[in-house]
Amino acid sequence: MEIRIGGYLAASFLLEREPTQWHAIVMLDSGKKPTDFVESTAKSHRYLRFDDVEEPRTNKQPPTIALIEAALEFSQDKDKLLVSC
């Protein structure tokens, strides 16, 4: 398996350069709406929606074990995996 980890801009350039070649895990803040770019350029994708918080706060979603498990399950048997935030 080939894994690339990068910020939004680097990941966007990779998906643009190599459309439908990469499976993508994209981490988004809980209140952020995804664009259709990942859906149209990734081979498959999974959004992980949470906020960068250490303890629960009003209107903030901390990362959970279930989210990590979902990402690991999604990544199984993928040949090229892109992880981005």
N, C-alpha and C. Protein backbone atom coordinates (compact mmCIF):
# COMPACT_ATOMS: atom_id res chain seq x y z
N MET A 1 0.84 -1.17 0.00
CA MET A 1 0.00 0.00 0.00
C MET A 1 0.89 1.25 0.00
N GLU A 2 0.53 2.19 -0.84
CA GLU A 2 1.21 3.49 -0.85
C GLU A 2 0.33 4.47 -0.08
N ILE A 3 0.91 5.18 0.88
CA ILE A 3 0.16 6.14 1.69
C ILE A 3 0.81 7.51 1.54
N ARG A 4 0.00 8.51 1.28
CA ARG A 4 0.46 9.90 1.26
C ARG A 4 -0.35 10.67 2.29
N ILE A 5 0.33 11.51 3.03
CA ILE A 5 -0.32 12.35 4.03
C ILE A 5 0.03 13.79 3.70
N GLY A 6 -0.98 14.63 3.59
CA GLY A 6 -0.70 16.01 3.23
C GLY A 6 -1.83 16.94 3.59
N GLY A 7 -1.52 18.21 3.60
CA GLY A 7 -2.54 19.23 3.82
C GLY A 7 -3.48 19.32 2.64
N TYR A 8 -4.48 20.16 2.79
CA TYR A 8 -5.52 20.27 1.78
C TYR A 8 -4.97 20.62 0.40
N LEU A 9 -4.09 21.60 0.35
CA LEU A 9 -3.57 22.06 -0.94
C LEU A 9 -2.75 20.97 -1.63
N ALA A 10 -1.84 20.35 -0.91
CA ALA A 10 -1.02 19.28 -1.50
C ALA A 10 -1.89 18.11 -1.94
N ALA A 11 -2.87 17.75 -1.13
CA ALA A 11 -3.76 16.64 -1.49
C ALA A 11 -4.59 16.98 -2.72
N SER A 12 -5.05 18.22 -2.81
CA SER A 12 -5.82 18.66 -3.98
C SER A 12 -5.00 18.57 -5.25
N PHE A 13 -3.73 19.01 -5.17
CA PHE A 13 -2.85 18.93 -6.34
C PHE A 13 -2.64 17.47 -6.76
N LEU A 14 -2.46 16.58 -5.79
CA LEU A 14 -2.26 15.17 -6.10
C LEU A 14 -3.49 14.58 -6.78
N LEU A 15 -4.66 14.85 -6.23
CA LEU A 15 -5.90 14.33 -6.83
C LEU A 15 -6.14 14.92 -8.21
N GLU A 16 -5.76 16.16 -8.41
CA GLU A 16 -5.91 16.79 -9.71
C GLU A 16 -4.96 16.18 -10.74
N ARG A 17 -3.73 15.88 -10.29
CA ARG A 17 -2.70 15.30 -11.16
C ARG A 17 -2.99 13.84 -11.49
N GLU A 18 -3.56 13.12 -10.50
CA GLU A 18 -3.80 11.69 -10.67
C GLU A 18 -5.25 11.35 -10.31
N PRO A 19 -6.21 11.85 -11.09
CA PRO A 19 -7.62 11.62 -10.75
C PRO A 19 -7.98 10.14 -10.78
N THR A 20 -8.84 9.77 -9.88
CA THR A 20 -9.38 8.40 -9.69
C THR A 20 -8.30 7.35 -9.41
N GLN A 21 -7.13 7.78 -8.97
CA GLN A 21 -6.07 6.83 -8.63
C GLN A 21 -5.95 6.62 -7.12
N TRP A 22 -6.48 7.55 -6.33
CA TRP A 22 -6.28 7.55 -4.88
C TRP A 22 -7.59 7.39 -4.14
N HIS A 23 -7.57 6.60 -3.07
CA HIS A 23 -8.64 6.53 -2.09
C HIS A 23 -8.30 7.60 -1.06
N ALA A 24 -9.28 8.38 -0.62
CA ALA A 24 -8.98 9.53 0.24
C ALA A 24 -9.74 9.47 1.56
N ILE A 25 -9.00 9.73 2.63
CA ILE A 25 -9.59 9.99 3.94
C ILE A 25 -9.36 11.47 4.20
N VAL A 26 -10.45 12.19 4.38
CA VAL A 26 -10.37 13.64 4.57
C VAL A 26 -10.97 14.01 5.92
N MET A 27 -10.19 14.67 6.74
CA MET A 27 -10.67 15.12 8.04
C MET A 27 -11.19 16.54 7.90
N LEU A 28 -12.42 16.73 8.35
CA LEU A 28 -13.08 18.03 8.27
C LEU A 28 -13.59 18.46 9.64
N ASP A 29 -13.55 19.76 9.91
CA ASP A 29 -14.22 20.26 11.11
C ASP A 29 -15.69 19.90 11.02
N SER A 30 -16.32 19.68 12.16
CA SER A 30 -17.70 19.21 12.17
C SER A 30 -18.67 20.17 11.48
N GLY A 31 -18.38 21.45 11.48
CA GLY A 31 -19.28 22.42 10.86
C GLY A 31 -18.95 22.75 9.41
N LYS A 32 -17.90 22.17 8.87
CA LYS A 32 -17.44 22.47 7.51
C LYS A 32 -18.17 21.60 6.49
N LYS A 33 -18.64 22.19 5.42
CA LYS A 33 -19.30 21.43 4.37
C LYS A 33 -18.27 21.01 3.33
N PRO A 34 -18.28 19.73 2.93
CA PRO A 34 -17.33 19.28 1.91
C PRO A 34 -17.72 19.81 0.53
N THR A 35 -16.73 20.00 -0.30
CA THR A 35 -16.99 20.35 -1.69
C THR A 35 -17.13 19.06 -2.49
N ASP A 36 -17.49 19.16 -3.73
CA ASP A 36 -17.61 17.95 -4.56
C ASP A 36 -16.28 17.55 -5.20
N PHE A 37 -15.21 18.30 -4.92
CA PHE A 37 -13.92 18.02 -5.53
C PHE A 37 -13.40 16.62 -5.19
N VAL A 38 -13.42 16.25 -3.93
CA VAL A 38 -12.92 14.93 -3.52
C VAL A 38 -13.76 13.83 -4.15
N GLU A 39 -15.07 13.99 -4.11
CA GLU A 39 -15.96 12.98 -4.69
C GLU A 39 -15.69 12.79 -6.19
N SER A 40 -15.34 13.87 -6.88
CA SER A 40 -15.16 13.78 -8.32
C SER A 40 -13.75 13.36 -8.73
N THR A 41 -12.77 13.44 -7.82
CA THR A 41 -11.39 13.12 -8.22
C THR A 41 -10.80 11.90 -7.51
N ALA A 42 -11.35 11.50 -6.38
CA ALA A 42 -10.82 10.34 -5.66
C ALA A 42 -11.49 9.07 -6.17
N LYS A 43 -10.77 7.98 -6.07
CA LYS A 43 -11.31 6.67 -6.44
C LYS A 43 -12.45 6.30 -5.50
N SER A 44 -12.27 6.56 -4.21
CA SER A 44 -13.30 6.47 -3.19
C SER A 44 -12.88 7.39 -2.06
N HIS A 45 -13.79 7.69 -1.16
CA HIS A 45 -13.44 8.64 -0.11
C HIS A 45 -14.23 8.36 1.16
N ARG A 46 -13.70 8.88 2.27
CA ARG A 46 -14.37 8.83 3.57
C ARG A 46 -14.06 10.13 4.26
N TYR A 47 -15.10 10.83 4.72
CA TYR A 47 -14.91 12.04 5.51
C TYR A 47 -14.94 11.67 6.98
N LEU A 48 -14.01 12.19 7.74
CA LEU A 48 -14.00 12.08 9.19
C LEU A 48 -14.27 13.47 9.72
N ARG A 49 -15.40 13.64 10.38
CA ARG A 49 -15.82 14.97 10.81
C ARG A 49 -15.65 15.11 12.32
N PHE A 50 -14.72 15.98 12.72
CA PHE A 50 -14.52 16.29 14.13
C PHE A 50 -13.76 17.61 14.23
N ASP A 51 -13.71 18.13 15.44
CA ASP A 51 -13.01 19.39 15.69
C ASP A 51 -11.74 19.13 16.49
N ASP A 52 -10.78 20.01 16.35
CA ASP A 52 -9.52 19.90 17.09
C ASP A 52 -9.73 20.42 18.51
N VAL A 53 -10.24 19.55 19.37
CA VAL A 53 -10.46 19.91 20.78
C VAL A 53 -9.93 18.80 21.66
N GLU A 54 -9.43 19.17 22.83
CA GLU A 54 -8.93 18.17 23.76
C GLU A 54 -10.01 17.69 24.72
N GLU A 55 -10.96 18.56 25.02
CA GLU A 55 -12.07 18.15 25.88
C GLU A 55 -13.36 18.64 25.22
N PRO A 56 -14.46 17.95 25.46
CA PRO A 56 -15.73 18.35 24.83
C PRO A 56 -16.10 19.79 25.18
N ARG A 57 -16.56 20.52 24.19
CA ARG A 57 -17.01 21.90 24.37
C ARG A 57 -18.34 22.05 23.64
N THR A 58 -19.06 23.08 24.00
CA THR A 58 -20.34 23.34 23.35
C THR A 58 -20.13 23.47 21.84
N ASN A 59 -20.96 22.79 21.08
CA ASN A 59 -20.95 22.84 19.61
C ASN A 59 -19.65 22.33 18.98
N LYS A 60 -18.85 21.59 19.70
CA LYS A 60 -17.63 21.02 19.14
C LYS A 60 -17.69 19.50 19.25
N GLN A 61 -17.22 18.83 18.23
CA GLN A 61 -17.23 17.37 18.18
C GLN A 61 -15.80 16.86 18.31
N PRO A 62 -15.44 16.24 19.44
CA PRO A 62 -14.09 15.69 19.57
C PRO A 62 -13.95 14.41 18.75
N PRO A 63 -12.73 14.02 18.39
CA PRO A 63 -12.54 12.75 17.70
C PRO A 63 -12.95 11.60 18.62
N THR A 64 -13.42 10.53 18.00
CA THR A 64 -13.86 9.36 18.78
C THR A 64 -13.17 8.10 18.28
N ILE A 65 -13.21 7.09 19.10
CA ILE A 65 -12.67 5.79 18.70
C ILE A 65 -13.41 5.27 17.48
N ALA A 66 -14.72 5.50 17.42
CA ALA A 66 -15.51 5.05 16.28
C ALA A 66 -15.02 5.68 14.96
N LEU A 67 -14.63 6.95 15.00
CA LEU A 67 -14.10 7.59 13.79
C LEU A 67 -12.78 6.95 13.36
N ILE A 68 -11.92 6.68 14.32
CA ILE A 68 -10.64 6.04 14.01
C ILE A 68 -10.87 4.63 13.44
N GLU A 69 -11.79 3.91 14.04
CA GLU A 69 -12.12 2.57 13.54
C GLU A 69 -12.68 2.64 12.12
N ALA A 70 -13.53 3.64 11.85
CA ALA A 70 -14.09 3.79 10.50
C ALA A 70 -12.98 4.07 9.48
N ALA A 71 -12.00 4.89 9.86
CA ALA A 71 -10.89 5.19 8.96
C ALA A 71 -10.05 3.95 8.70
N LEU A 72 -9.78 3.18 9.74
CA LEU A 72 -8.99 1.95 9.57
C LEU A 72 -9.74 0.93 8.71
N GLU A 73 -11.02 0.81 8.94
CA GLU A 73 -11.82 -0.12 8.13
C GLU A 73 -11.84 0.31 6.66
N PHE A 74 -12.02 1.60 6.43
CA PHE A 74 -12.02 2.12 5.06
C PHE A 74 -10.70 1.85 4.36
N SER A 75 -9.60 1.96 5.08
CA SER A 75 -8.27 1.84 4.46
C SER A 75 -7.88 0.40 4.13
N GLN A 76 -8.61 -0.57 4.64
CA GLN A 76 -8.28 -1.97 4.37
C GLN A 76 -8.28 -2.25 2.87
N ASP A 77 -7.25 -2.92 2.42
CA ASP A 77 -7.14 -3.38 1.02
C ASP A 77 -7.09 -2.27 -0.02
N LYS A 78 -6.74 -1.06 0.40
CA LYS A 78 -6.59 0.03 -0.57
C LYS A 78 -5.14 0.05 -1.08
N ASP A 79 -4.95 0.22 -2.37
CA ASP A 79 -3.61 0.23 -2.95
C ASP A 79 -2.93 1.58 -2.80
N LYS A 80 -3.71 2.67 -2.92
CA LYS A 80 -3.16 4.02 -2.79
C LYS A 80 -4.09 4.80 -1.87
N LEU A 81 -3.56 5.24 -0.73
CA LEU A 81 -4.38 5.94 0.26
C LEU A 81 -3.82 7.34 0.52
N LEU A 82 -4.67 8.32 0.39
CA LEU A 82 -4.35 9.72 0.65
C LEU A 82 -5.07 10.14 1.92
N VAL A 83 -4.34 10.70 2.87
CA VAL A 83 -4.92 11.19 4.12
C VAL A 83 -4.67 12.69 4.18
N SER A 84 -5.74 13.45 4.38
CA SER A 84 -5.62 14.91 4.35
C SER A 84 -6.58 15.56 5.34
N CYS A 85 -6.25 16.78 5.70
CA CYS A 85 -7.15 17.56 6.56
C CYS A 85 -7.38 18.92 5.93
